[in-house]
PDB file of all heavy atoms in Angstrom:
ATOM      1  N   LEU A   1      -5.565 -18.954  17.758  1.00  0.00           N
ATOM      2  CA  LEU A   1      -5.360 -19.755  16.491  1.00  0.00           C
ATOM      3  C   LEU A   1      -3.998 -19.501  15.882  1.00  0.00           C
ATOM      4  O   LEU A   1      -3.662 -18.441  15.369  1.00  0.00           O
ATOM      5  CB  LEU A   1      -6.401 -19.427  15.403  1.00  0.00           C
ATOM      6  CG  LEU A   1      -7.868 -19.601  15.927  1.00  0.00           C
ATOM      7  CD1 LEU A   1      -8.887 -19.202  14.894  1.00  0.00           C
ATOM      8  CD2 LEU A   1      -8.101 -21.181  16.152  1.00  0.00           C
ATOM      9  N   ALA A   2      -3.154 -20.497  15.940  1.00  0.00           N
ATOM     10  CA  ALA A   2      -1.735 -20.231  15.559  1.00  0.00           C
ATOM     11  C   ALA A   2      -1.323 -21.587  14.799  1.00  0.00           C
ATOM     12  O   ALA A   2      -0.314 -22.215  15.309  1.00  0.00           O
ATOM     13  CB  ALA A   2      -0.843 -20.025  16.768  1.00  0.00           C
ATOM     14  N   PRO A   3      -1.864 -21.774  13.651  1.00  0.00           N
ATOM     15  CA  PRO A   3      -1.487 -23.017  12.935  1.00  0.00           C
ATOM     16  C   PRO A   3       0.112 -22.848  12.455  1.00  0.00           C
ATOM     17  O   PRO A   3       0.464 -21.742  12.116  1.00  0.00           O
ATOM     18  CB  PRO A   3      -2.281 -23.095  11.765  1.00  0.00           C
ATOM     19  CG  PRO A   3      -2.774 -21.649  11.529  1.00  0.00           C
ATOM     20  CD  PRO A   3      -2.879 -21.100  12.901  1.00  0.00           C
ATOM     21  N   ARG A   4       0.809 -23.934  12.435  1.00  0.00           N
ATOM     22  CA  ARG A   4       2.244 -23.931  11.911  1.00  0.00           C
ATOM     23  C   ARG A   4       2.042 -24.102  10.379  1.00  0.00           C
ATOM     24  O   ARG A   4       1.921 -25.094   9.762  1.00  0.00           O
ATOM     25  CB  ARG A   4       2.908 -25.152  12.455  1.00  0.00           C
ATOM     26  CG  ARG A   4       3.092 -25.105  14.024  1.00  0.00           C
ATOM     27  CD  ARG A   4       3.986 -26.235  14.560  1.00  0.00           C
ATOM     28  NE  ARG A   4       4.183 -26.184  15.916  1.00  0.00           N
ATOM     29  CZ  ARG A   4       3.379 -26.755  16.747  1.00  0.00           C
ATOM     30  NH1 ARG A   4       2.413 -27.478  16.420  1.00  0.00           N
ATOM     31  NH2 ARG A   4       3.606 -26.620  18.101  1.00  0.00           N
ATOM     32  N   LEU A   5       2.248 -22.907   9.723  1.00  0.00           N
ATOM     33  CA  LEU A   5       2.093 -22.819   8.271  1.00  0.00           C
ATOM     34  C   LEU A   5       3.315 -23.488   7.593  1.00  0.00           C
ATOM     35  O   LEU A   5       4.483 -23.106   8.010  1.00  0.00           O
ATOM     36  CB  LEU A   5       1.797 -21.363   7.772  1.00  0.00           C
ATOM     37  CG  LEU A   5       0.714 -20.705   8.474  1.00  0.00           C
ATOM     38  CD1 LEU A   5       0.643 -19.277   7.827  1.00  0.00           C
ATOM     39  CD2 LEU A   5      -0.568 -21.367   8.342  1.00  0.00           C
ATOM     40  N   PRO A   6       3.177 -24.213   6.491  1.00  0.00           N
ATOM     41  CA  PRO A   6       4.328 -24.732   5.770  1.00  0.00           C
ATOM     42  C   PRO A   6       5.045 -23.493   5.049  1.00  0.00           C
ATOM     43  O   PRO A   6       4.453 -22.546   4.800  1.00  0.00           O
ATOM     44  CB  PRO A   6       3.816 -25.726   4.875  1.00  0.00           C
ATOM     45  CG  PRO A   6       2.408 -25.228   4.645  1.00  0.00           C
ATOM     46  CD  PRO A   6       1.898 -24.689   5.964  1.00  0.00           C
ATOM     47  N   PRO A   7       6.315 -23.784   4.663  1.00  0.00           N
ATOM     48  CA  PRO A   7       7.090 -22.716   3.975  1.00  0.00           C
ATOM     49  C   PRO A   7       6.375 -22.312   2.728  1.00  0.00           C
ATOM     50  O   PRO A   7       6.580 -21.159   2.262  1.00  0.00           O
ATOM     51  CB  PRO A   7       8.435 -23.320   3.679  1.00  0.00           C
ATOM     52  CG  PRO A   7       8.571 -24.354   4.754  1.00  0.00           C
ATOM     53  CD  PRO A   7       7.215 -24.926   4.957  1.00  0.00           C
ATOM     54  N   THR A   8       5.670 -23.188   2.021  1.00  0.00           N
ATOM     55  CA  THR A   8       5.088 -22.888   0.697  1.00  0.00           C
ATOM     56  C   THR A   8       3.876 -22.013   0.837  1.00  0.00           C
ATOM     57  O   THR A   8       3.353 -21.486  -0.145  1.00  0.00           O
ATOM     58  CB  THR A   8       4.581 -24.283  -0.018  1.00  0.00           C
ATOM     59  OG1 THR A   8       3.752 -24.842   0.878  1.00  0.00           O
ATOM     60  CG2 THR A   8       5.766 -25.048  -0.257  1.00  0.00           C
ATOM     61  N   SER A   9       3.484 -21.654   2.122  1.00  0.00           N
ATOM     62  CA  SER A   9       2.325 -20.802   2.327  1.00  0.00           C
ATOM     63  C   SER A   9       2.696 -19.323   2.169  1.00  0.00           C
ATOM     64  O   SER A   9       1.821 -18.500   2.187  1.00  0.00           O
ATOM     65  CB  SER A   9       1.738 -21.050   3.676  1.00  0.00           C
ATOM     66  OG  SER A   9       2.601 -20.583   4.655  1.00  0.00           O
ATOM     67  N   THR A  10       4.005 -18.983   1.979  1.00  0.00           N
ATOM     68  CA  THR A  10       4.388 -17.573   1.824  1.00  0.00           C
ATOM     69  C   THR A  10       3.895 -17.106   0.579  1.00  0.00           C
ATOM     70  O   THR A  10       3.766 -17.846  -0.481  1.00  0.00           O
ATOM     71  CB  THR A  10       5.948 -17.492   1.926  1.00  0.00           C
ATOM     72  OG1 THR A  10       6.477 -18.333   0.977  1.00  0.00           O
ATOM     73  CG2 THR A  10       6.340 -17.861   3.329  1.00  0.00           C
ATOM     74  N   ALA A  11       3.663 -15.790   0.559  1.00  0.00           N
ATOM     75  CA  ALA A  11       2.990 -15.233  -0.705  1.00  0.00           C
ATOM     76  C   ALA A  11       4.009 -15.200  -1.881  1.00  0.00           C
ATOM     77  O   ALA A  11       5.098 -15.037  -1.669  1.00  0.00           O
ATOM     78  CB  ALA A  11       2.474 -13.781  -0.436  1.00  0.00           C
ATOM     79  N   VAL A  12       3.373 -15.497  -3.014  1.00  0.00           N
ATOM     80  CA  VAL A  12       4.234 -15.430  -4.273  1.00  0.00           C
ATOM     81  C   VAL A  12       4.581 -13.870  -4.489  1.00  0.00           C
ATOM     82  O   VAL A  12       3.715 -12.976  -4.298  1.00  0.00           O
ATOM     83  CB  VAL A  12       3.547 -15.959  -5.462  1.00  0.00           C
ATOM     84  CG1 VAL A  12       4.324 -15.848  -6.726  1.00  0.00           C
ATOM     85  CG2 VAL A  12       3.150 -17.423  -5.206  1.00  0.00           C
ATOM     86  N   LYS A  13       5.879 -13.627  -4.880  1.00  0.00           N
ATOM     87  CA  LYS A  13       6.288 -12.256  -5.029  1.00  0.00           C
ATOM     88  C   LYS A  13       5.286 -11.592  -6.025  1.00  0.00           C
ATOM     89  O   LYS A  13       5.061 -12.056  -7.159  1.00  0.00           O
ATOM     90  CB  LYS A  13       7.648 -12.172  -5.629  1.00  0.00           C
ATOM     91  CG  LYS A  13       8.249 -10.740  -5.741  1.00  0.00           C
ATOM     92  CD  LYS A  13       9.731 -10.861  -6.215  1.00  0.00           C
ATOM     93  CE  LYS A  13      10.192  -9.446  -6.249  1.00  0.00           C
ATOM     94  NZ  LYS A  13      11.688  -9.399  -6.762  1.00  0.00           N
ATOM     95  N   GLY A  14       4.790 -10.381  -5.646  1.00  0.00           N
ATOM     96  CA  GLY A  14       3.837  -9.589  -6.413  1.00  0.00           C
ATOM     97  C   GLY A  14       2.480  -9.996  -6.346  1.00  0.00           C
ATOM     98  O   GLY A  14       1.549  -9.423  -6.841  1.00  0.00           O
ATOM     99  N   GLY A  15       2.153 -11.162  -5.603  1.00  0.00           N
ATOM    100  CA  GLY A  15       0.826 -11.643  -5.430  1.00  0.00           C
ATOM    101  C   GLY A  15       0.222 -11.294  -4.121  1.00  0.00           C
ATOM    102  O   GLY A  15       0.799 -10.725  -3.223  1.00  0.00           O
ATOM    103  N   SER A  16      -1.016 -11.758  -3.853  1.00  0.00           N
ATOM    104  CA  SER A  16      -1.763 -11.526  -2.656  1.00  0.00           C
ATOM    105  C   SER A  16      -1.237 -12.551  -1.598  1.00  0.00           C
ATOM    106  O   SER A  16      -0.995 -13.694  -1.885  1.00  0.00           O
ATOM    107  CB  SER A  16      -3.248 -11.601  -2.791  1.00  0.00           C
ATOM    108  OG  SER A  16      -3.620 -10.723  -3.843  1.00  0.00           O
ATOM    109  N   PRO A  17      -1.185 -12.073  -0.295  1.00  0.00           N
ATOM    110  CA  PRO A  17      -0.681 -13.054   0.736  1.00  0.00           C
ATOM    111  C   PRO A  17      -1.784 -14.061   0.966  1.00  0.00           C
ATOM    112  O   PRO A  17      -3.047 -13.810   0.787  1.00  0.00           O
ATOM    113  CB  PRO A  17      -0.570 -12.143   1.935  1.00  0.00           C
ATOM    114  CG  PRO A  17      -1.415 -10.913   1.692  1.00  0.00           C
ATOM    115  CD  PRO A  17      -1.351 -10.665   0.070  1.00  0.00           C
ATOM    116  N   PRO A  18      -1.462 -15.371   1.243  1.00  0.00           N
ATOM    117  CA  PRO A  18      -2.442 -16.354   1.348  1.00  0.00           C
ATOM    118  C   PRO A  18      -3.202 -16.201   2.593  1.00  0.00           C
ATOM    119  O   PRO A  18      -2.774 -15.638   3.669  1.00  0.00           O
ATOM    120  CB  PRO A  18      -1.611 -17.658   1.460  1.00  0.00           C
ATOM    121  CG  PRO A  18      -0.253 -17.192   2.141  1.00  0.00           C
ATOM    122  CD  PRO A  18      -0.081 -15.790   1.523  1.00  0.00           C
ATOM    123  N   HIS A  19      -4.504 -16.709   2.572  1.00  0.00           N
ATOM    124  CA  HIS A  19      -5.395 -16.660   3.736  1.00  0.00           C
ATOM    125  C   HIS A  19      -5.242 -17.916   4.450  1.00  0.00           C
ATOM    126  O   HIS A  19      -4.807 -19.020   3.869  1.00  0.00           O
ATOM    127  CB  HIS A  19      -6.769 -16.388   3.345  1.00  0.00           C
ATOM    128  CG  HIS A  19      -7.110 -14.879   3.030  1.00  0.00           C
ATOM    129  ND1 HIS A  19      -6.754 -14.315   1.880  1.00  0.00           N
ATOM    130  CD2 HIS A  19      -7.826 -13.936   3.830  1.00  0.00           C
ATOM    131  CE1 HIS A  19      -7.055 -13.058   1.794  1.00  0.00           C
ATOM    132  NE2 HIS A  19      -7.823 -12.827   2.991  1.00  0.00           N
ATOM    133  N   VAL A  20      -5.609 -17.914   5.740  1.00  0.00           N
ATOM    134  CA  VAL A  20      -5.691 -19.159   6.536  1.00  0.00           C
ATOM    135  C   VAL A  20      -7.290 -19.263   6.806  1.00  0.00           C
ATOM    136  O   VAL A  20      -7.899 -18.207   7.090  1.00  0.00           O
ATOM    137  CB  VAL A  20      -5.117 -19.165   7.777  1.00  0.00           C
ATOM    138  CG1 VAL A  20      -5.178 -20.435   8.606  1.00  0.00           C
ATOM    139  CG2 VAL A  20      -3.548 -18.838   7.554  1.00  0.00           C
ATOM    140  N   THR A  21      -7.758 -20.444   6.712  1.00  0.00           N
ATOM    141  CA  THR A  21      -9.210 -20.626   7.037  1.00  0.00           C
ATOM    142  C   THR A  21      -9.407 -21.650   8.074  1.00  0.00           C
ATOM    143  O   THR A  21      -8.700 -22.741   8.216  1.00  0.00           O
ATOM    144  CB  THR A  21      -9.937 -21.251   5.667  1.00  0.00           C
ATOM    145  OG1 THR A  21      -9.864 -20.283   4.679  1.00  0.00           O
ATOM    146  CG2 THR A  21     -11.226 -21.541   6.004  1.00  0.00           C
ATOM    147  N   ALA A  22     -10.304 -21.412   8.932  1.00  0.00           N
ATOM    148  CA  ALA A  22     -10.801 -22.255   9.986  1.00  0.00           C
ATOM    149  C   ALA A  22     -12.171 -22.631   9.891  1.00  0.00           C
ATOM    150  O   ALA A  22     -12.961 -21.787   9.561  1.00  0.00           O
ATOM    151  CB  ALA A  22     -10.563 -21.685  11.414  1.00  0.00           C
ATOM    152  N   CYS A  23     -12.502 -23.932  10.135  1.00  0.00           N
ATOM    153  CA  CYS A  23     -13.944 -24.406  10.252  1.00  0.00           C
ATOM    154  C   CYS A  23     -14.148 -24.986  11.604  1.00  0.00           C
ATOM    155  O   CYS A  23     -13.421 -25.747  12.080  1.00  0.00           O
ATOM    156  CB  CYS A  23     -14.200 -25.383   9.125  1.00  0.00           C
ATOM    157  SG  CYS A  23     -14.172 -24.696   7.428  1.00  0.00           S
ATOM    158  N   ILE A  24     -15.316 -24.583  12.135  1.00  0.00           N
ATOM    159  CA  ILE A  24     -15.710 -25.093  13.519  1.00  0.00           C
ATOM    160  C   ILE A  24     -17.067 -25.763  13.309  1.00  0.00           C
ATOM    161  O   ILE A  24     -18.056 -25.302  12.676  1.00  0.00           O
ATOM    162  CB  ILE A  24     -16.022 -23.959  14.512  1.00  0.00           C
ATOM    163  CG1 ILE A  24     -14.737 -23.036  14.459  1.00  0.00           C
ATOM    164  CG2 ILE A  24     -16.319 -24.284  15.915  1.00  0.00           C
ATOM    165  CD1 ILE A  24     -13.480 -23.576  15.079  1.00  0.00           C
ATOM    166  N   LYS A  25     -17.126 -26.996  13.846  1.00  0.00           N
ATOM    167  CA  LYS A  25     -18.373 -27.772  13.933  1.00  0.00           C
ATOM    168  C   LYS A  25     -18.816 -28.239  15.310  1.00  0.00           C
ATOM    169  O   LYS A  25     -18.033 -29.051  15.776  1.00  0.00           O
ATOM    170  CB  LYS A  25     -18.250 -28.949  12.901  1.00  0.00           C
ATOM    171  CG  LYS A  25     -19.589 -29.720  12.758  1.00  0.00           C
ATOM    172  CD  LYS A  25     -19.500 -30.803  11.731  1.00  0.00           C
ATOM    173  CE  LYS A  25     -20.857 -31.366  11.348  1.00  0.00           C
ATOM    174  NZ  LYS A  25     -20.681 -32.544  10.473  1.00  0.00           N
ATOM    175  N   PRO A  26     -19.862 -27.695  15.831  1.00  0.00           N
ATOM    176  CA  PRO A  26     -20.321 -28.131  17.255  1.00  0.00           C
ATOM    177  C   PRO A  26     -20.792 -29.469  17.271  1.00  0.00           C
ATOM    178  O   PRO A  26     -21.315 -29.992  16.249  1.00  0.00           O
ATOM    179  CB  PRO A  26     -21.319 -26.994  17.630  1.00  0.00           C
ATOM    180  CG  PRO A  26     -21.907 -26.704  16.256  1.00  0.00           C
ATOM    181  CD  PRO A  26     -20.784 -26.791  15.262  1.00  0.00           C
ATOM    182  N   THR A  27     -20.739 -30.113  18.397  1.00  0.00           N
ATOM    183  CA  THR A  27     -21.429 -31.421  18.525  1.00  0.00           C
ATOM    184  C   THR A  27     -22.812 -31.171  18.788  1.00  0.00           C
ATOM    185  O   THR A  27     -23.313 -30.081  19.080  1.00  0.00           O
ATOM    186  CB  THR A  27     -20.869 -32.107  19.833  1.00  0.00           C
ATOM    187  OG1 THR A  27     -21.120 -31.412  20.964  1.00  0.00           O
ATOM    188  CG2 THR A  27     -19.269 -32.418  19.660  1.00  0.00           C
ATOM    189  N   GLY A  28     -23.655 -32.232  18.605  1.00  0.00           N
ATOM    190  CA  GLY A  28     -25.080 -32.072  18.818  1.00  0.00           C
ATOM    191  C   GLY A  28     -25.542 -31.811  20.176  1.00  0.00           C
ATOM    192  O   GLY A  28     -26.582 -31.451  20.543  1.00  0.00           O
ATOM    193  N   THR A  29     -24.489 -31.965  21.190  1.00  0.00           N
ATOM    194  CA  THR A  29     -24.906 -31.797  22.655  1.00  0.00           C
ATOM    195  C   THR A  29     -24.133 -30.535  23.031  1.00  0.00           C
ATOM    196  O   THR A  29     -23.944 -30.422  24.322  1.00  0.00           O
ATOM    197  CB  THR A  29     -24.411 -33.023  23.420  1.00  0.00           C
ATOM    198  OG1 THR A  29     -23.012 -33.298  23.173  1.00  0.00           O
ATOM    199  CG2 THR A  29     -25.218 -34.148  23.049  1.00  0.00           C
ATOM    200  N   PHE A  30     -23.739 -29.612  22.269  1.00  0.00           N
ATOM    201  CA  PHE A  30     -23.090 -28.345  22.654  1.00  0.00           C
ATOM    202  C   PHE A  30     -24.036 -27.510  23.515  1.00  0.00           C
ATOM    203  O   PHE A  30     -24.994 -27.044  23.179  1.00  0.00           O
ATOM    204  CB  PHE A  30     -22.671 -27.488  21.364  1.00  0.00           C
ATOM    205  CG  PHE A  30     -21.847 -26.277  21.711  1.00  0.00           C
ATOM    206  CD1 PHE A  30     -20.526 -26.353  21.451  1.00  0.00           C
ATOM    207  CD2 PHE A  30     -22.351 -25.175  22.120  1.00  0.00           C
ATOM    208  CE1 PHE A  30     -19.753 -25.189  21.630  1.00  0.00           C
ATOM    209  CE2 PHE A  30     -21.664 -24.006  22.378  1.00  0.00           C
ATOM    210  CZ  PHE A  30     -20.184 -24.012  22.074  1.00  0.00           C
ATOM    211  N   ARG A  31     -23.594 -27.378  24.764  1.00  0.00           N
ATOM    212  CA  ARG A  31     -24.380 -26.706  25.788  1.00  0.00           C
ATOM    213  C   ARG A  31     -23.456 -25.917  26.802  1.00  0.00           C
ATOM    214  O   ARG A  31     -22.312 -26.297  26.964  1.00  0.00           O
ATOM    215  CB  ARG A  31     -25.288 -27.606  26.613  1.00  0.00           C
ATOM    216  CG  ARG A  31     -26.253 -28.465  25.779  1.00  0.00           C
ATOM    217  CD  ARG A  31     -27.458 -27.525  25.244  1.00  0.00           C
ATOM    218  NE  ARG A  31     -28.486 -28.296  24.633  1.00  0.00           N
ATOM    219  CZ  ARG A  31     -28.393 -28.871  23.426  1.00  0.00           C
ATOM    220  NH1 ARG A  31     -27.322 -28.610  22.682  1.00  0.00           N
ATOM    221  NH2 ARG A  31     -29.309 -29.553  22.956  1.00  0.00           N
TER     222      ARG A  31
END
């Protein structure tokens, strides 16, 4: 998982670093 993060995703000075979130949804025929 290596999304190309935009420049605005960098942490604000003194704040917490931003998280990246992924969501996965299987098809109904996942086998």
